[in-house]
Each structure stands twice: as structure tokens, then as C-alpha cells.
Amino acid sequence: MRDSGPGTLRIGRLRLRLPARGAEDGRRLAAEISQRLAAGLPPSFDRRIGGASLRVRLDRRSSRGETAAAVAGAIADRLAGSGDA
């Protein structure tokens, strides 16, 4: 998923289903997820995946930050090969 050298993360498509949240909040959430992933992966990380489907269950009252952390963590686990989703 890293592309164009260290510190770059490329996500071709990130589709989120977020009950009770609008499109703009979804865009902000996707940006925060990307930032968290880029910050959390080691610079030497170099892996591509064709696609993944993950389910992350959260309390409806979770903040955007809590939601981003949970989704980024699930994606990172999958990239590391340790996710069971």
C-alpha cells in the first residue's frame, strides 16, 4: 500500500458504511483513518493487497477519533496478516 517512497500510503478505495453519519463526516473519517495508518506503519513497510473486507463494531456514540482508531487498527492488523476479519 505504500507507494512513491517512504512515508506515502496509497489507498485506492475505502468504502465505509456509517449509520447516522453524513457524507462529509465520512470523508473526514476516511482522511483520519489514512493519516493514522500512515503514521502507524513502519517506513520499511511495503505490501500491496488487492482488497479486504473488514467489519468493525463500535458503539453508536463513538467519536470520530475512536472510530478512526478502530478502523485503522483493523486495517493495520489485516496488512500485518494478523487480522481475523
C-alpha atoms as a PDB file:
ATOM      1  CA  MET A   1       0.000   0.000   0.000  1.00  0.00           C
ATOM      2  CA  ARG A   2       2.948   2.361   0.333  1.00  0.00           C
ATOM      3  CA  ASP A   3       3.779   3.993  -2.954  1.00  0.00           C
ATOM      4  CA  SER A   4       6.260   6.604  -4.178  1.00  0.00           C
ATOM      5  CA  GLY A   5       8.783   6.100  -1.388  1.00  0.00           C
ATOM      6  CA  PRO A   6       8.806   6.083   2.389  1.00  0.00           C
ATOM      7  CA  GLY A   7       6.072   7.904   4.216  1.00  0.00           C
ATOM      8  CA  THR A   8       3.487   7.511   1.462  1.00  0.00           C
ATOM      9  CA  LEU A   9       0.365   5.457   1.824  1.00  0.00           C
ATOM     10  CA  ARG A  10      -1.932   4.929  -1.131  1.00  0.00           C
ATOM     11  CA  ILE A  11      -5.444   3.617  -0.626  1.00  0.00           C
ATOM     12  CA  GLY A  12      -7.186   3.034  -3.916  1.00  0.00           C
ATOM     13  CA  ARG A  13     -10.680   2.863  -2.459  1.00  0.00           C
ATOM     14  CA  LEU A  14     -12.014   2.944   1.059  1.00  0.00           C
ATOM     15  CA  ARG A  15     -15.735   2.330   1.369  1.00  0.00           C
ATOM     16  CA  LEU A  16     -17.323   2.888   4.758  1.00  0.00           C
ATOM     17  CA  ARG A  17     -20.863   2.210   5.895  1.00  0.00           C
ATOM     18  CA  LEU A  18     -21.593   4.546   8.778  1.00  0.00           C
ATOM     19  CA  PRO A  19     -25.141   4.582  10.097  1.00  0.00           C
ATOM     20  CA  ALA A  20     -26.317   8.044  11.162  1.00  0.00           C
ATOM     21  CA  ARG A  21     -23.304   9.906   9.723  1.00  0.00           C
ATOM     22  CA  GLY A  22     -23.294  12.144   6.698  1.00  0.00           C
ATOM     23  CA  ALA A  23     -21.063  12.100   3.619  1.00  0.00           C
ATOM     24  CA  GLU A  24     -18.844  14.957   4.826  1.00  0.00           C
ATOM     25  CA  ASP A  25     -18.236  13.232   8.160  1.00  0.00           C
ATOM     26  CA  GLY A  26     -17.385  10.078   6.198  1.00  0.00           C
ATOM     27  CA  ARG A  27     -14.782  11.966   4.138  1.00  0.00           C
ATOM     28  CA  ARG A  28     -13.228  13.410   7.283  1.00  0.00           C
ATOM     29  CA  LEU A  29     -13.204   9.975   8.879  1.00  0.00           C
ATOM     30  CA  ALA A  30     -11.539   8.410   5.814  1.00  0.00           C
ATOM     31  CA  ALA A  31      -8.846  11.107   5.877  1.00  0.00           C
ATOM     32  CA  GLU A  32      -8.203  10.492   9.582  1.00  0.00           C
ATOM     33  CA  ILE A  33      -8.028   6.720   9.024  1.00  0.00           C
ATOM     34  CA  SER A  34      -5.440   7.251   6.259  1.00  0.00           C
ATOM     35  CA  GLN A  35      -3.384   9.574   8.451  1.00  0.00           C
ATOM     36  CA  ARG A  36      -3.429   7.124  11.347  1.00  0.00           C
ATOM     37  CA  LEU A  37      -2.394   4.251   9.081  1.00  0.00           C
ATOM     38  CA  ALA A  38       0.439   6.232   7.516  1.00  0.00           C
ATOM     39  CA  ALA A  39       1.693   7.283  10.951  1.00  0.00           C
ATOM     40  CA  GLY A  40       1.427   3.788  12.402  1.00  0.00           C
ATOM     41  CA  LEU A  41       3.161   1.767   9.709  1.00  0.00           C
ATOM     42  CA  PRO A  42       6.952   1.470   9.779  1.00  0.00           C
ATOM     43  CA  PRO A  43       8.820   3.307   6.983  1.00  0.00           C
ATOM     44  CA  SER A  44      10.074  -0.016   5.631  1.00  0.00           C
ATOM     45  CA  PHE A  45       6.522  -1.350   5.215  1.00  0.00           C
ATOM     46  CA  ASP A  46       5.921  -2.458   1.649  1.00  0.00           C
ATOM     47  CA  ARG A  47       2.865  -4.550   0.958  1.00  0.00           C
ATOM     48  CA  ARG A  48       0.021  -4.462  -1.513  1.00  0.00           C
ATOM     49  CA  ILE A  49      -3.304  -6.136  -1.102  1.00  0.00           C
ATOM     50  CA  GLY A  50      -5.938  -6.428  -3.769  1.00  0.00           C
ATOM     51  CA  GLY A  51      -8.751  -5.828  -1.351  1.00  0.00           C
ATOM     52  CA  ALA A  52     -10.129  -6.673   2.030  1.00  0.00           C
ATOM     53  CA  SER A  53     -13.484  -6.631   3.702  1.00  0.00           C
ATOM     54  CA  LEU A  54     -13.467  -5.777   7.387  1.00  0.00           C
ATOM     55  CA  ARG A  55     -16.224  -5.414   9.928  1.00  0.00           C
ATOM     56  CA  VAL A  56     -15.577  -3.201  12.926  1.00  0.00           C
ATOM     57  CA  ARG A  57     -18.283  -2.973  15.549  1.00  0.00           C
ATOM     58  CA  LEU A  58     -18.492   0.215  17.559  1.00  0.00           C
ATOM     59  CA  ASP A  59     -20.879   1.879  19.909  1.00  0.00           C
ATOM     60  CA  ARG A  60     -23.043   4.375  18.007  1.00  0.00           C
ATOM     61  CA  ARG A  61     -21.801   7.069  20.376  1.00  0.00           C
ATOM     62  CA  SER A  62     -18.147   6.511  19.417  1.00  0.00           C
ATOM     63  CA  SER A  63     -16.361   9.710  18.480  1.00  0.00           C
ATOM     64  CA  ARG A  64     -14.794  10.158  15.057  1.00  0.00           C
ATOM     65  CA  GLY A  65     -11.371   9.688  16.661  1.00  0.00           C
ATOM     66  CA  GLU A  66     -12.416   6.431  18.328  1.00  0.00           C
ATOM     67  CA  THR A  67     -13.938   5.207  15.084  1.00  0.00           C
ATOM     68  CA  ALA A  68     -10.830   6.138  13.067  1.00  0.00           C
ATOM     69  CA  ALA A  69      -8.560   4.400  15.584  1.00  0.00           C
ATOM     70  CA  ALA A  70     -10.631   1.204  15.499  1.00  0.00           C
ATOM     71  CA  VAL A  71     -10.839   1.082  11.687  1.00  0.00           C
ATOM     72  CA  ALA A  72      -7.147   1.962  11.205  1.00  0.00           C
ATOM     73  CA  GLY A  73      -6.221  -0.716  13.749  1.00  0.00           C
ATOM     74  CA  ALA A  74      -8.302  -3.339  11.935  1.00  0.00           C
ATOM     75  CA  ILE A  75      -6.715  -2.423   8.591  1.00  0.00           C
ATOM     76  CA  ALA A  76      -3.210  -2.487  10.103  1.00  0.00           C
ATOM     77  CA  ASP A  77      -3.904  -5.914  11.605  1.00  0.00           C
ATOM     78  CA  ARG A  78      -5.024  -7.196   8.210  1.00  0.00           C
ATOM     79  CA  LEU A  79      -1.957  -5.723   6.497  1.00  0.00           C
ATOM     80  CA  ALA A  80       0.246  -7.396   9.092  1.00  0.00           C
ATOM     81  CA  GLY A  81      -1.517 -10.674   8.449  1.00  0.00           C
ATOM     82  CA  SER A  82      -2.838 -10.948  11.995  1.00  0.00           C
ATOM     83  CA  GLY A  83      -6.423  -9.809  11.397  1.00  0.00           C
ATOM     84  CA  ASP A  84      -9.171 -12.398  11.533  1.00  0.00           C
ATOM     85  CA  ALA A  85     -11.878 -10.272   9.917  1.00  0.00           C
END
